[in-house]
């Protein structure tokens, strides 16, 4: 699970062009949106595309997405349970 969390942090930094952050700057339980990393709705769309492309997970329910994207810890648990790739 730690390897998946590290991988997700790397992908988020790369996908969302967060060059000023390193994986050490992102805590597992930091909020991804709002006061945490400060991601926005455009970033959420990019994360949804990444989940589909890299893990075979298709998100269609916005409420489900809101829960899944709470933190790296929540996101990695969801991916571990639901990944197809």
N, C-alpha and C. Protein backbone atom coordinates (compact mmCIF):
# COMPACT_ATOMS: atom_id res chain seq x y z
N UNK A 1 0.83 -1.20 0.00
CA UNK A 1 0.00 0.00 0.00
C UNK A 1 0.87 1.26 0.00
N UNK A 2 2.00 1.23 0.69
CA UNK A 2 2.90 2.39 0.72
C UNK A 2 3.43 2.71 -0.68
N UNK A 3 3.72 1.66 -1.45
CA UNK A 3 4.21 1.86 -2.82
C UNK A 3 3.13 2.53 -3.67
N UNK A 4 1.88 2.12 -3.48
CA UNK A 4 0.78 2.72 -4.23
C UNK A 4 0.60 4.19 -3.85
N UNK A 5 0.71 4.50 -2.56
CA UNK A 5 0.58 5.90 -2.12
C UNK A 5 1.68 6.75 -2.75
N UNK A 6 2.91 6.24 -2.76
CA UNK A 6 4.03 6.98 -3.35
C UNK A 6 3.79 7.18 -4.85
N UNK A 7 3.33 6.11 -5.52
CA UNK A 7 3.02 6.19 -6.95
C UNK A 7 1.95 7.24 -7.23
N UNK A 8 0.91 7.26 -6.40
CA UNK A 8 -0.16 8.24 -6.59
C UNK A 8 0.34 9.67 -6.41
N UNK A 9 1.16 9.89 -5.41
CA UNK A 9 1.72 11.22 -5.19
C UNK A 9 2.54 11.66 -6.40
N UNK A 10 3.36 10.74 -6.92
CA UNK A 10 4.17 11.06 -8.10
C UNK A 10 3.28 11.38 -9.30
N UNK A 11 2.23 10.57 -9.50
CA UNK A 11 1.33 10.79 -10.64
C UNK A 11 0.58 12.11 -10.51
N UNK A 12 0.13 12.43 -9.30
CA UNK A 12 -0.61 13.68 -9.09
C UNK A 12 0.30 14.87 -9.37
N UNK A 13 1.52 14.83 -8.87
CA UNK A 13 2.46 15.93 -9.11
C UNK A 13 2.73 16.08 -10.60
N UNK A 14 2.93 14.95 -11.28
CA UNK A 14 3.23 14.99 -12.71
C UNK A 14 2.01 15.41 -13.53
N UNK A 15 0.87 14.75 -13.31
CA UNK A 15 -0.35 15.01 -14.10
C UNK A 15 -0.84 16.44 -13.97
N UNK A 16 -0.74 16.98 -12.75
CA UNK A 16 -1.31 18.29 -12.48
C UNK A 16 -0.27 19.41 -12.50
N UNK A 17 0.94 19.06 -12.95
CA UNK A 17 2.03 20.04 -13.06
C UNK A 17 2.27 20.81 -11.77
N UNK A 18 2.36 20.09 -10.66
CA UNK A 18 2.61 20.70 -9.36
C UNK A 18 4.11 20.67 -9.08
N UNK A 19 4.88 21.33 -9.94
CA UNK A 19 6.33 21.26 -9.88
C UNK A 19 6.91 21.77 -8.58
N UNK A 20 6.18 22.63 -7.87
CA UNK A 20 6.70 23.17 -6.62
C UNK A 20 6.53 22.21 -5.44
N UNK A 21 5.91 21.05 -5.68
CA UNK A 21 5.72 20.05 -4.62
C UNK A 21 6.58 18.81 -4.87
N UNK A 22 6.95 18.16 -3.77
CA UNK A 22 7.60 16.85 -3.86
C UNK A 22 6.69 15.86 -3.16
N UNK A 23 6.98 14.57 -3.32
CA UNK A 23 6.11 13.57 -2.66
C UNK A 23 6.19 13.71 -1.14
N UNK A 24 7.30 14.22 -0.63
CA UNK A 24 7.43 14.41 0.81
C UNK A 24 6.54 15.54 1.32
N UNK A 25 6.14 16.45 0.44
CA UNK A 25 5.27 17.57 0.82
C UNK A 25 3.82 17.14 1.00
N UNK A 26 3.47 15.98 0.48
CA UNK A 26 2.08 15.52 0.51
C UNK A 26 1.94 14.42 1.56
N UNK A 27 1.19 14.72 2.61
CA UNK A 27 0.91 13.73 3.65
C UNK A 27 -0.23 12.82 3.18
N UNK A 28 -0.22 11.58 3.64
CA UNK A 28 -1.23 10.61 3.21
C UNK A 28 -2.65 11.06 3.52
N UNK A 29 -2.84 11.81 4.62
CA UNK A 29 -4.18 12.21 5.01
C UNK A 29 -4.50 13.66 4.71
N UNK A 30 -3.62 14.35 3.97
CA UNK A 30 -3.92 15.72 3.55
C UNK A 30 -5.11 15.72 2.60
N UNK A 31 -5.97 16.72 2.74
CA UNK A 31 -7.08 16.88 1.80
C UNK A 31 -6.51 17.22 0.43
N UNK A 32 -7.04 16.59 -0.61
CA UNK A 32 -6.58 16.90 -1.96
C UNK A 32 -7.19 18.20 -2.47
N UNK A 33 -8.40 18.50 -2.05
CA UNK A 33 -9.11 19.70 -2.49
C UNK A 33 -9.28 20.64 -1.30
N UNK A 34 -9.61 21.89 -1.58
CA UNK A 34 -9.82 22.86 -0.51
C UNK A 34 -8.52 23.24 0.18
N UNK A 35 -8.52 23.14 1.50
CA UNK A 35 -7.38 23.60 2.30
C UNK A 35 -6.14 22.74 2.18
N UNK A 36 -6.26 21.55 1.65
CA UNK A 36 -5.10 20.66 1.51
C UNK A 36 -4.22 21.10 0.36
N UNK A 37 -4.21 20.32 -0.71
CA UNK A 37 -3.41 20.65 -1.88
C UNK A 37 -4.02 21.78 -2.71
N UNK A 38 -5.30 22.05 -2.46
CA UNK A 38 -5.95 23.14 -3.18
C UNK A 38 -6.33 22.80 -4.61
N UNK A 39 -6.56 21.53 -4.89
CA UNK A 39 -6.95 21.13 -6.25
C UNK A 39 -8.35 21.66 -6.55
N UNK A 40 -8.66 21.78 -7.85
CA UNK A 40 -9.97 22.28 -8.26
C UNK A 40 -10.69 21.28 -9.16
N UNK A 41 -11.83 21.68 -9.72
CA UNK A 41 -12.65 20.77 -10.51
C UNK A 41 -11.93 20.29 -11.78
N UNK A 42 -11.11 21.13 -12.38
CA UNK A 42 -10.34 20.71 -13.57
C UNK A 42 -9.36 19.61 -13.17
N UNK A 43 -8.73 19.78 -12.00
CA UNK A 43 -7.81 18.76 -11.49
C UNK A 43 -8.56 17.45 -11.24
N UNK A 44 -9.79 17.55 -10.74
CA UNK A 44 -10.60 16.35 -10.49
C UNK A 44 -10.83 15.59 -11.79
N UNK A 45 -11.11 16.31 -12.86
CA UNK A 45 -11.31 15.64 -14.16
C UNK A 45 -10.04 14.92 -14.60
N UNK A 46 -8.90 15.55 -14.39
CA UNK A 46 -7.64 14.91 -14.77
C UNK A 46 -7.38 13.66 -13.92
N UNK A 47 -7.75 13.71 -12.65
CA UNK A 47 -7.58 12.54 -11.78
C UNK A 47 -8.51 11.41 -12.21
N UNK A 48 -9.72 11.75 -12.63
CA UNK A 48 -10.67 10.74 -13.11
C UNK A 48 -10.12 10.05 -14.36
N UNK A 49 -9.55 10.83 -15.27
CA UNK A 49 -8.94 10.26 -16.48
C UNK A 49 -7.77 9.35 -16.11
N UNK A 50 -6.94 9.79 -15.15
CA UNK A 50 -5.81 8.99 -14.70
C UNK A 50 -6.27 7.65 -14.10
N UNK A 51 -7.33 7.68 -13.29
CA UNK A 51 -7.85 6.44 -12.70
C UNK A 51 -8.28 5.46 -13.77
N UNK A 52 -8.96 5.97 -14.79
CA UNK A 52 -9.42 5.12 -15.89
C UNK A 52 -8.24 4.56 -16.67
N UNK A 53 -7.33 5.43 -17.08
CA UNK A 53 -6.20 5.04 -17.93
C UNK A 53 -5.22 4.11 -17.20
N UNK A 54 -4.87 4.46 -15.97
CA UNK A 54 -3.81 3.73 -15.26
C UNK A 54 -4.30 2.55 -14.44
N UNK A 55 -5.56 2.59 -13.99
CA UNK A 55 -6.04 1.55 -13.08
C UNK A 55 -7.32 0.86 -13.56
N UNK A 56 -7.89 1.33 -14.67
CA UNK A 56 -9.11 0.72 -15.19
C UNK A 56 -10.34 1.01 -14.36
N UNK A 57 -10.31 2.10 -13.59
CA UNK A 57 -11.44 2.47 -12.72
C UNK A 57 -12.20 3.61 -13.38
N UNK A 58 -13.50 3.38 -13.63
CA UNK A 58 -14.35 4.40 -14.23
C UNK A 58 -15.25 5.00 -13.15
N UNK A 59 -15.13 6.29 -12.94
CA UNK A 59 -15.99 6.98 -11.97
C UNK A 59 -17.07 7.73 -12.74
N UNK A 60 -18.32 7.49 -12.37
CA UNK A 60 -19.42 8.18 -13.03
C UNK A 60 -20.27 8.97 -12.04
N UNK A 61 -20.19 8.64 -10.76
CA UNK A 61 -21.00 9.29 -9.73
C UNK A 61 -20.19 10.39 -9.05
N UNK A 62 -20.58 11.66 -9.21
CA UNK A 62 -19.83 12.76 -8.60
C UNK A 62 -19.71 12.63 -7.07
N UNK A 63 -20.75 12.14 -6.42
CA UNK A 63 -20.70 11.97 -4.96
C UNK A 63 -19.64 10.94 -4.58
N UNK A 64 -19.55 9.87 -5.36
CA UNK A 64 -18.54 8.84 -5.11
C UNK A 64 -17.14 9.44 -5.31
N UNK A 65 -16.97 10.23 -6.35
CA UNK A 65 -15.69 10.88 -6.61
C UNK A 65 -15.27 11.78 -5.47
N UNK A 66 -16.22 12.50 -4.92
CA UNK A 66 -15.92 13.42 -3.81
C UNK A 66 -15.37 12.64 -2.61
N UNK A 67 -15.93 11.48 -2.34
CA UNK A 67 -15.46 10.65 -1.23
C UNK A 67 -14.08 10.05 -1.53
N UNK A 68 -13.89 9.55 -2.74
CA UNK A 68 -12.65 8.88 -3.12
C UNK A 68 -11.46 9.84 -3.10
N UNK A 69 -11.69 11.09 -3.50
CA UNK A 69 -10.61 12.06 -3.61
C UNK A 69 -10.38 12.85 -2.32
N UNK A 70 -10.80 12.33 -1.18
CA UNK A 70 -10.58 13.03 0.09
C UNK A 70 -9.10 13.16 0.41
N UNK A 71 -8.35 12.09 0.21
CA UNK A 71 -6.92 12.09 0.53
C UNK A 71 -6.21 10.97 -0.23
N UNK A 72 -4.90 10.99 -0.18
CA UNK A 72 -4.11 9.92 -0.79
C UNK A 72 -4.45 8.59 -0.13
N UNK A 73 -4.62 8.59 1.20
CA UNK A 73 -4.93 7.35 1.92
C UNK A 73 -6.24 6.74 1.43
N UNK A 74 -7.28 7.56 1.30
CA UNK A 74 -8.59 7.07 0.84
C UNK A 74 -8.50 6.63 -0.62
N UNK A 75 -7.85 7.42 -1.43
CA UNK A 75 -7.72 7.11 -2.86
C UNK A 75 -6.96 5.81 -3.07
N UNK A 76 -5.87 5.61 -2.35
CA UNK A 76 -5.08 4.38 -2.53
C UNK A 76 -5.86 3.15 -2.07
N UNK A 77 -6.64 3.27 -1.00
CA UNK A 77 -7.47 2.14 -0.55
C UNK A 77 -8.51 1.79 -1.61
N UNK A 78 -9.14 2.81 -2.19
CA UNK A 78 -10.15 2.58 -3.22
C UNK A 78 -9.53 1.90 -4.43
N UNK A 79 -8.36 2.36 -4.85
CA UNK A 79 -7.70 1.78 -6.01
C UNK A 79 -7.32 0.33 -5.72
N UNK A 80 -6.78 0.07 -4.54
CA UNK A 80 -6.37 -1.30 -4.18
C UNK A 80 -7.55 -2.26 -4.24
N UNK A 81 -8.73 -1.79 -3.86
CA UNK A 81 -9.92 -2.65 -3.83
C UNK A 81 -10.60 -2.79 -5.19
N UNK A 82 -10.42 -1.79 -6.07
CA UNK A 82 -11.22 -1.75 -7.29
C UNK A 82 -10.45 -1.77 -8.60
N UNK A 83 -9.14 -1.79 -8.54
CA UNK A 83 -8.36 -1.69 -9.78
C UNK A 83 -8.55 -2.90 -10.67
N UNK A 84 -8.54 -2.65 -11.98
CA UNK A 84 -8.65 -3.70 -12.98
C UNK A 84 -7.31 -3.91 -13.64
N UNK A 85 -6.49 -2.86 -13.72
CA UNK A 85 -5.17 -2.94 -14.35
C UNK A 85 -4.09 -3.05 -13.29
